[in-house]
Amino acid sequence: MDLTGLWRRNRHSHDDGADDDLFHQVSAAHREWVTAQQYFQSVSEPELVDYAVQSISAAEQKYTSLLRRARQRQAQAGPEG
């Protein structure tokens, strides 16, 4: 799925900005997920490893949930948005 394409199509639609907000949420969630993975790679203390694993899991769930919502919104908009 091309989220940038989804965002560009919907910028010019009659939408009230909800799609722009969703695009930014998906982008931010992806950054959080990547940051959590990077943090995991940098820690060695057992307590911090546990925290890092939980952070990755939470960030991944948030990202995939928002991504699913964006895909559903794109499907509802149709091929031309």
PDB file of N, CA and C in Angstrom:
ATOM      1  N   MET A   1       0.843  -1.184   0.000  1.00  0.00           N
ATOM      2  CA  MET A   1       0.000   0.000   0.000  1.00  0.00           C
ATOM      3  C   MET A   1       0.883   1.240   0.000  1.00  0.00           C
ATOM      4  N   ASP A   2       0.556   2.187  -0.811  1.00  0.00           N
ATOM      5  CA  ASP A   2       1.299   3.427  -0.882  1.00  0.00           C
ATOM      6  C   ASP A   2       0.566   4.482  -0.072  1.00  0.00           C
ATOM      7  N   LEU A   3       1.015   4.700   1.159  1.00  0.00           N
ATOM      8  CA  LEU A   3       0.339   5.660   2.027  1.00  0.00           C
ATOM      9  C   LEU A   3       0.491   7.080   1.523  1.00  0.00           C
ATOM     10  N   THR A   4       1.612   7.373   0.884  1.00  0.00           N
ATOM     11  CA  THR A   4       1.794   8.716   0.342  1.00  0.00           C
ATOM     12  C   THR A   4       0.764   8.984  -0.741  1.00  0.00           C
ATOM     13  N   GLY A   5       0.501   7.989  -1.585  1.00  0.00           N
ATOM     14  CA  GLY A   5      -0.529   8.130  -2.610  1.00  0.00           C
ATOM     15  C   GLY A   5      -1.900   8.330  -2.000  1.00  0.00           C
ATOM     16  N   LEU A   6      -2.187   7.580  -0.939  1.00  0.00           N
ATOM     17  CA  LEU A   6      -3.460   7.737  -0.232  1.00  0.00           C
ATOM     18  C   LEU A   6      -3.584   9.160   0.300  1.00  0.00           C
ATOM     19  N   TRP A   7      -2.539   9.649   0.904  1.00  0.00           N
ATOM     20  CA  TRP A   7      -2.546  10.986   1.476  1.00  0.00           C
ATOM     21  C   TRP A   7      -2.733  12.046   0.391  1.00  0.00           C
ATOM     22  N   ARG A   8      -1.990  11.913  -0.704  1.00  0.00           N
ATOM     23  CA  ARG A   8      -2.095  12.905  -1.781  1.00  0.00           C
ATOM     24  C   ARG A   8      -3.488  12.912  -2.403  1.00  0.00           C
ATOM     25  N   ARG A   9      -4.049  11.730  -2.643  1.00  0.00           N
ATOM     26  CA  ARG A   9      -5.391  11.656  -3.232  1.00  0.00           C
ATOM     27  C   ARG A   9      -6.406  12.327  -2.328  1.00  0.00           C
ATOM     28  N   ASN A  10      -6.318  12.052  -1.056  1.00  0.00           N
ATOM     29  CA  ASN A  10      -7.324  12.546  -0.131  1.00  0.00           C
ATOM     30  C   ASN A  10      -7.126  14.000   0.253  1.00  0.00           C
ATOM     31  N   ARG A  11      -5.960  14.555   0.029  1.00  0.00           N
ATOM     32  CA  ARG A  11      -5.741  15.989   0.291  1.00  0.00           C
ATOM     33  C   ARG A  11      -6.661  16.834  -0.572  1.00  0.00           C
ATOM     34  N   HIS A  12      -6.961  16.343  -1.762  1.00  0.00           N
ATOM     35  CA  HIS A  12      -7.754  17.106  -2.710  1.00  0.00           C
ATOM     36  C   HIS A  12      -9.223  16.695  -2.712  1.00  0.00           C
ATOM     37  N   SER A  13      -9.591  15.833  -1.801  1.00  0.00           N
ATOM     38  CA  SER A  13     -10.982  15.390  -1.755  1.00  0.00           C
ATOM     39  C   SER A  13     -11.787  16.313  -0.841  1.00  0.00           C
ATOM     40  N   HIS A  14     -13.028  15.958  -0.647  1.00  0.00           N
ATOM     41  CA  HIS A  14     -13.924  16.744   0.197  1.00  0.00           C
ATOM     42  C   HIS A  14     -13.745  16.453   1.675  1.00  0.00           C
ATOM     43  N   ASP A  15     -12.792  15.600   2.000  1.00  0.00           N
ATOM     44  CA  ASP A  15     -12.588  15.161   3.379  1.00  0.00           C
ATOM     45  C   ASP A  15     -12.238  16.333   4.290  1.00  0.00           C
ATOM     46  N   ASP A  16     -12.555  16.189   5.558  1.00  0.00           N
ATOM     47  CA  ASP A  16     -12.333  17.256   6.532  1.00  0.00           C
ATOM     48  C   ASP A  16     -10.948  17.230   7.154  1.00  0.00           C
ATOM     49  N   GLY A  17     -10.011  16.504   6.581  1.00  0.00           N
ATOM     50  CA  GLY A  17      -8.666  16.426   7.122  1.00  0.00           C
ATOM     51  C   GLY A  17      -8.409  15.166   7.916  1.00  0.00           C
ATOM     52  N   ALA A  18      -9.418  14.320   8.079  1.00  0.00           N
ATOM     53  CA  ALA A  18      -9.248  13.094   8.857  1.00  0.00           C
ATOM     54  C   ALA A  18      -8.218  12.180   8.220  1.00  0.00           C
ATOM     55  N   ASP A  19      -8.172  12.138   6.884  1.00  0.00           N
ATOM     56  CA  ASP A  19      -7.202  11.282   6.212  1.00  0.00           C
ATOM     57  C   ASP A  19      -5.789  11.818   6.388  1.00  0.00           C
ATOM     58  N   ASP A  20      -5.632  13.137   6.365  1.00  0.00           N
ATOM     59  CA  ASP A  20      -4.320  13.728   6.633  1.00  0.00           C
ATOM     60  C   ASP A  20      -3.859  13.340   8.027  1.00  0.00           C
ATOM     61  N   ASP A  21      -4.769  13.439   8.990  1.00  0.00           N
ATOM     62  CA  ASP A  21      -4.449  13.086  10.363  1.00  0.00           C
ATOM     63  C   ASP A  21      -4.078  11.612  10.467  1.00  0.00           C
ATOM     64  N   LEU A  22      -4.816  10.758   9.794  1.00  0.00           N
ATOM     65  CA  LEU A  22      -4.528   9.329   9.822  1.00  0.00           C
ATOM     66  C   LEU A  22      -3.170   9.044   9.201  1.00  0.00           C
ATOM     67  N   PHE A  23      -2.856   9.693   8.092  1.00  0.00           N
ATOM     68  CA  PHE A  23      -1.553   9.510   7.459  1.00  0.00           C
ATOM     69  C   PHE A  23      -0.437   9.878   8.436  1.00  0.00           C
ATOM     70  N   HIS A  24      -0.583  10.990   9.130  1.00  0.00           N
ATOM     71  CA  HIS A  24       0.439  11.422  10.084  1.00  0.00           C
ATOM     72  C   HIS A  24       0.527  10.461  11.276  1.00  0.00           C
ATOM     73  N   GLN A  25      -0.604   9.935  11.698  1.00  0.00           N
ATOM     74  CA  GLN A  25      -0.598   8.957  12.790  1.00  0.00           C
ATOM     75  C   GLN A  25       0.137   7.682  12.380  1.00  0.00           C
ATOM     76  N   VAL A  26      -0.114   7.217  11.153  1.00  0.00           N
ATOM     77  CA  VAL A  26       0.559   6.012  10.666  1.00  0.00           C
ATOM     78  C   VAL A  26       2.057   6.262  10.572  1.00  0.00           C
ATOM     79  N   SER A  27       2.440   7.407  10.046  1.00  0.00           N
ATOM     80  CA  SER A  27       3.859   7.743   9.926  1.00  0.00           C
ATOM     81  C   SER A  27       4.530   7.813  11.293  1.00  0.00           C
ATOM     82  N   ALA A  28       3.877   8.456  12.243  1.00  0.00           N
ATOM     83  CA  ALA A  28       4.431   8.568  13.592  1.00  0.00           C
ATOM     84  C   ALA A  28       4.528   7.200  14.257  1.00  0.00           C
ATOM     85  N   ALA A  29       3.520   6.367  14.075  1.00  0.00           N
ATOM     86  CA  ALA A  29       3.541   5.026  14.666  1.00  0.00           C
ATOM     87  C   ALA A  29       4.662   4.191  14.069  1.00  0.00           C
ATOM     88  N   HIS A  30       4.909   4.351  12.782  1.00  0.00           N
ATOM     89  CA  HIS A  30       6.011   3.626  12.151  1.00  0.00           C
ATOM     90  C   HIS A  30       7.351   4.075  12.737  1.00  0.00           C
ATOM     91  N   ARG A  31       7.515   5.382  12.926  1.00  0.00           N
ATOM     92  CA  ARG A  31       8.747   5.892  13.535  1.00  0.00           C
ATOM     93  C   ARG A  31       8.923   5.357  14.951  1.00  0.00           C
ATOM     94  N   GLU A  32       7.824   5.292  15.713  1.00  0.00           N
ATOM     95  CA  GLU A  32       7.885   4.746  17.073  1.00  0.00           C
ATOM     96  C   GLU A  32       8.331   3.289  17.056  1.00  0.00           C
ATOM     97  N   TRP A  33       7.824   2.530  16.104  1.00  0.00           N
ATOM     98  CA  TRP A  33       8.170   1.113  15.982  1.00  0.00           C
ATOM     99  C   TRP A  33       9.646   0.956  15.659  1.00  0.00           C
ATOM    100  N   VAL A  34      10.128   1.724  14.703  1.00  0.00           N
ATOM    101  CA  VAL A  34      11.543   1.667  14.322  1.00  0.00           C
ATOM    102  C   VAL A  34      12.424   2.097  15.494  1.00  0.00           C
ATOM    103  N   THR A  35      12.015   3.142  16.199  1.00  0.00           N
ATOM    104  CA  THR A  35      12.783   3.615  17.353  1.00  0.00           C
ATOM    105  C   THR A  35      12.836   2.547  18.445  1.00  0.00           C
ATOM    106  N   ALA A  36      11.739   1.867  18.681  1.00  0.00           N
ATOM    107  CA  ALA A  36      11.708   0.793  19.680  1.00  0.00           C
ATOM    108  C   ALA A  36      12.647  -0.345  19.284  1.00  0.00           C
ATOM    109  N   GLN A  37      12.684  -0.666  17.995  1.00  0.00           N
ATOM    110  CA  GLN A  37      13.594  -1.711  17.525  1.00  0.00           C
ATOM    111  C   GLN A  37      15.052  -1.287  17.708  1.00  0.00           C
ATOM    112  N   GLN A  38      15.341  -0.041  17.425  1.00  0.00           N
ATOM    113  CA  GLN A  38      16.703   0.471  17.598  1.00  0.00           C
ATOM    114  C   GLN A  38      17.099   0.470  19.069  1.00  0.00           C
ATOM    115  N   TYR A  39      16.168   0.844  19.931  1.00  0.00           N
ATOM    116  CA  TYR A  39      16.433   0.831  21.371  1.00  0.00           C
ATOM    117  C   TYR A  39      16.751  -0.591  21.830  1.00  0.00           C
ATOM    118  N   PHE A  40      15.983  -1.554  21.362  1.00  0.00           N
ATOM    119  CA  PHE A  40      16.222  -2.950  21.714  1.00  0.00           C
ATOM    120  C   PHE A  40      17.644  -3.367  21.357  1.00  0.00           C
ATOM    121  N   GLN A  41      18.122  -2.912  20.209  1.00  0.00           N
ATOM    122  CA  GLN A  41      19.474  -3.264  19.761  1.00  0.00           C
ATOM    123  C   GLN A  41      20.557  -2.636  20.631  1.00  0.00           C
ATOM    124  N   SER A  42      20.204  -1.602  21.380  1.00  0.00           N
ATOM    125  CA  SER A  42      21.219  -0.867  22.138  1.00  0.00           C
ATOM    126  C   SER A  42      21.285  -1.223  23.627  1.00  0.00           C
ATOM    127  N   VAL A  43      20.372  -2.037  24.126  1.00  0.00           N
ATOM    128  CA  VAL A  43      20.347  -2.330  25.565  1.00  0.00           C
ATOM    129  C   VAL A  43      20.895  -3.718  25.848  1.00  0.00           C
ATOM    130  N   SER A  44      21.392  -3.878  27.089  1.00  0.00           N
ATOM    131  CA  SER A  44      21.909  -5.192  27.479  1.00  0.00           C
ATOM    132  C   SER A  44      21.437  -5.617  28.875  1.00  0.00           C
ATOM    133  N   GLU A  45      20.982  -4.683  29.693  1.00  0.00           N
ATOM    134  CA  GLU A  45      20.499  -5.038  31.023  1.00  0.00           C
ATOM    135  C   GLU A  45      19.163  -5.769  30.899  1.00  0.00           C
ATOM    136  N   PRO A  46      18.990  -6.866  31.633  1.00  0.00           N
ATOM    137  CA  PRO A  46      17.766  -7.666  31.506  1.00  0.00           C
ATOM    138  C   PRO A  46      16.471  -6.873  31.661  1.00  0.00           C
ATOM    139  N   GLU A  47      16.414  -5.953  32.627  1.00  0.00           N
ATOM    140  CA  GLU A  47      15.195  -5.168  32.824  1.00  0.00           C
ATOM    141  C   GLU A  47      14.911  -4.288  31.611  1.00  0.00           C
ATOM    142  N   LEU A  48      15.964  -3.752  31.038  1.00  0.00           N
ATOM    143  CA  LEU A  48      15.794  -2.892  29.874  1.00  0.00           C
ATOM    144  C   LEU A  48      15.449  -3.689  28.627  1.00  0.00           C
ATOM    145  N   VAL A  49      15.955  -4.899  28.531  1.00  0.00           N
ATOM    146  CA  VAL A  49      15.604  -5.766  27.406  1.00  0.00           C
ATOM    147  C   VAL A  49      14.115  -6.089  27.465  1.00  0.00           C
ATOM    148  N   ASP A  50      13.620  -6.414  28.657  1.00  0.00           N
ATOM    149  CA  ASP A  50      12.192  -6.696  28.816  1.00  0.00           C
ATOM    150  C   ASP A  50      11.356  -5.489  28.406  1.00  0.00           C
ATOM    151  N   TYR A  51      11.765  -4.315  28.863  1.00  0.00           N
ATOM    152  CA  TYR A  51      11.054  -3.089  28.509  1.00  0.00           C
ATOM    153  C   TYR A  51      11.091  -2.865  26.997  1.00  0.00           C
ATOM    154  N   ALA A  52      12.256  -3.081  26.398  1.00  0.00           N
ATOM    155  CA  ALA A  52      12.401  -2.873  24.956  1.00  0.00           C
ATOM    156  C   ALA A  52      11.497  -3.818  24.170  1.00  0.00           C
ATOM    157  N   VAL A  53      11.413  -5.069  24.596  1.00  0.00           N
ATOM    158  CA  VAL A  53      10.544  -6.038  23.918  1.00  0.00           C
ATOM    159  C   VAL A  53       9.080  -5.607  24.023  1.00  0.00           C
ATOM    160  N   GLN A  54       8.668  -5.169  25.202  1.00  0.00           N
ATOM    161  CA  GLN A  54       7.294  -4.695  25.379  1.00  0.00           C
ATOM    162  C   GLN A  54       7.029  -3.455  24.530  1.00  0.00           C
ATOM    163  N   SER A  55       8.017  -2.582  24.432  1.00  0.00           N
ATOM    164  CA  SER A  55       7.869  -1.374  23.614  1.00  0.00           C
ATOM    165  C   SER A  55       7.709  -1.712  22.140  1.00  0.00           C
ATOM    166  N   ILE A  56       8.498  -2.674  21.676  1.00  0.00           N
ATOM    167  CA  ILE A  56       8.390  -3.106  20.281  1.00  0.00           C
ATOM    168  C   ILE A  56       6.995  -3.669  20.024  1.00  0.00           C
ATOM    169  N   SER A  57       6.541  -4.519  20.922  1.00  0.00           N
ATOM    170  CA  SER A  57       5.231  -5.147  20.757  1.00  0.00           C
ATOM    171  C   SER A  57       4.114  -4.107  20.717  1.00  0.00           C
ATOM    172  N   ALA A  58       4.147  -3.168  21.640  1.00  0.00           N
ATOM    173  CA  ALA A  58       3.108  -2.134  21.688  1.00  0.00           C
ATOM    174  C   ALA A  58       3.156  -1.255  20.441  1.00  0.00           C
ATOM    175  N   ALA A  59       4.349  -0.859  20.033  1.00  0.00           N
ATOM    176  CA  ALA A  59       4.496   0.001  18.852  1.00  0.00           C
ATOM    177  C   ALA A  59       4.044  -0.724  17.590  1.00  0.00           C
ATOM    178  N   GLU A  60       4.368  -2.003  17.502  1.00  0.00           N
ATOM    179  CA  GLU A  60       3.960  -2.784  16.332  1.00  0.00           C
ATOM    180  C   GLU A  60       2.436  -2.910  16.269  1.00  0.00           C
ATOM    181  N   GLN A  61       1.803  -3.169  17.399  1.00  0.00           N
ATOM    182  CA  GLN A  61       0.346  -3.275  17.434  1.00  0.00           C
ATOM    183  C   GLN A  61      -0.316  -1.956  17.040  1.00  0.00           C
ATOM    184  N   LYS A  62       0.225  -0.859  17.539  1.00  0.00           N
ATOM    185  CA  LYS A  62      -0.321   0.454  17.199  1.00  0.00           C
ATOM    186  C   LYS A  62      -0.172   0.717  15.708  1.00  0.00           C
ATOM    187  N   TYR A  63       1.017   0.446  15.170  1.00  0.00           N
ATOM    188  CA  TYR A  63       1.282   0.687  13.753  1.00  0.00           C
ATOM    189  C   TYR A  63       0.384  -0.164  12.862  1.00  0.00           C
ATOM    190  N   THR A  64       0.281  -1.451  13.155  1.00  0.00           N
ATOM    191  CA  THR A  64      -0.525  -2.320  12.302  1.00  0.00           C
ATOM    192  C   THR A  64      -2.009  -1.969  12.390  1.00  0.00           C
ATOM    193  N   SER A  65      -2.464  -1.544  13.566  1.00  0.00           N
ATOM    194  CA  SER A  65      -3.860  -1.134  13.707  1.00  0.00           C
ATOM    195  C   SER A  65      -4.150   0.104  12.859  1.00  0.00           C
ATOM    196  N   LEU A  66      -3.279   1.095  12.933  1.00  0.00           N
ATOM    197  CA  LEU A  66      -3.472   2.318  12.136  1.00  0.00           C
ATOM    198  C   LEU A  66      -3.332   2.030  10.646  1.00  0.00           C
ATOM    199  N   LEU A  67      -2.411   1.166  10.297  1.00  0.00           N
ATOM    200  CA  LEU A  67      -2.223   0.800   8.895  1.00  0.00           C
ATOM    201  C   LEU A  67      -3.464   0.095   8.355  1.00  0.00           C
ATOM    202  N   ARG A  68      -4.044  -0.785   9.155  1.00  0.00           N
ATOM    203  CA  ARG A  68      -5.281  -1.473   8.768  1.00  0.00           C
ATOM    204  C   ARG A  68      -6.411  -0.458   8.544  1.00  0.00           C
ATOM    205  N   ARG A  69      -6.496   0.521   9.441  1.00  0.00           N
ATOM    206  CA  ARG A  69      -7.521   1.561   9.305  1.00  0.00           C
ATOM    207  C   ARG A  69      -7.307   2.373   8.025  1.00  0.00           C
ATOM    208  N   ALA A  70      -6.060   2.687   7.712  1.00  0.00           N
ATOM    209  CA  ALA A  70      -5.760   3.436   6.484  1.00  0.00           C
ATOM    210  C   ALA A  70      -6.125   2.618   5.249  1.00  0.00           C
ATOM    211  N   ARG A  71      -5.841   1.321   5.294  1.00  0.00           N
ATOM    212  CA  ARG A  71      -6.192   0.457   4.158  1.00  0.00           C
ATOM    213  C   ARG A  71      -7.703   0.377   3.982  1.00  0.00           C
ATOM    214  N   GLN A  72      -8.429   0.283   5.086  1.00  0.00           N
ATOM    215  CA  GLN A  72      -9.887   0.243   5.001  1.00  0.00           C
ATOM    216  C   GLN A  72     -10.424   1.540   4.422  1.00  0.00           C
ATOM    217  N   ARG A  73      -9.856   2.643   4.849  1.00  0.00           N
ATOM    218  CA  ARG A  73     -10.292   3.943   4.349  1.00  0.00           C
ATOM    219  C   ARG A  73      -9.994   4.067   2.852  1.00  0.00           C
ATOM    220  N   GLN A  74      -8.847   3.545   2.432  1.00  0.00           N
ATOM    221  CA  GLN A  74      -8.488   3.581   1.024  1.00  0.00           C
ATOM    222  C   GLN A  74      -9.456   2.720   0.209  1.00  0.00           C
ATOM    223  N   ALA A  75      -9.810   1.556   0.743  1.00  0.00           N
ATOM    224  CA  ALA A  75     -10.746   0.679   0.041  1.00  0.00           C
ATOM    225  C   ALA A  75     -12.125   1.328  -0.088  1.00  0.00           C
ATOM    226  N   GLN A  76     -12.544   2.038   0.928  1.00  0.00           N
ATOM    227  CA  GLN A  76     -13.828   2.732   0.890  1.00  0.00           C
ATOM    228  C   GLN A  76     -13.815   3.871  -0.121  1.00  0.00           C
ATOM    229  N   ALA A  77     -12.641   4.493  -0.271  1.00  0.00           N
ATOM    230  CA  ALA A  77     -12.525   5.628  -1.200  1.00  0.00           C
ATOM    231  C   ALA A  77     -12.534   5.159  -2.651  1.00  0.00           C
ATOM    232  N   GLY A  78     -12.179   3.897  -2.881  1.00  0.00           N
ATOM    233  CA  GLY A  78     -12.142   3.368  -4.236  1.00  0.00           C
ATOM    234  C   GLY A  78     -10.820   3.679  -4.923  1.00  0.00           C
ATOM    235  N   PRO A  79     -10.659   3.214  -6.150  1.00  0.00           N
ATOM    236  CA  PRO A  79      -9.381   3.354  -6.842  1.00  0.00           C
ATOM    237  C   PRO A  79      -9.004   4.795  -7.161  1.00  0.00           C
ATOM    238  N   GLU A  80      -9.958   5.660  -7.321  1.00  0.00           N
ATOM    239  CA  GLU A  80      -9.662   7.049  -7.671  1.00  0.00           C
ATOM    240  C   GLU A  80      -9.647   7.965  -6.454  1.00  0.00           C
ATOM    241  N   GLY A  81     -10.042   7.445  -5.258  1.00  0.00           N
ATOM    242  CA  GLY A  81     -10.083   8.256  -4.036  1.00  0.00           C
ATOM    243  C   GLY A  81     -11.157   9.231  -4.120  1.00  0.00           C
TER     244      GLY A  81
END
